[in-house]
Amino acid sequence: MVRDKICDMSSLKKTLEKMEGFGTISLNNNGERIQFKESPEAKQSIQFLCHLVLPFVDCYWVALASVKQLKNQDKTTFVEKSQLVEKIQWFAETLFKEGFFVFQEACSLAIIDQAIDKLTKVDLLEVEETASKHGTQLLFRVKDQ
């Protein structure tokens, strides 16, 4: 099992070498070309990894597309977190119902929250905390780049 964080090219190469050791892939040209093996075990491993990763990829893509749409609208207006989550989830559910996404987990509120947090950490979203009668409220808007 791979437990190391992939944060640079050397850690990526180590991870790919581990996958090669598991018999899932084969590396050619000094690790620059990856081929998936045709064995049933390799296909099962790749399918398992896809089931783990693709919902996150789909959800993060939807979050980015939603942020881009916000950017194209009014750049000065803050949006409540609940409204942003609702917008992202609606878009993800629509894409799932239309067959663009295979995994319904891409519509998960937990993954959407993670995507919003990540977009905030990489400075695509600006967050502002305000006090309301229901407690602290988070407001988001697209950061000027």
Foldseek 3Di string as FASTA:
>chain_A
DDDDDDDDDVVVQVVVVVCVVVVQWDAPDSRPDIGGDDDPVNVVVVVVVCVVPVLLVLLLVLLVVLQVVLVVPDQVDWAWPVVSLVNSLVVLVVCVVVPVDDDNSNSPSVSNVVSVVVCVVVQQKDWDWDQDPVGITIIIGGDDD
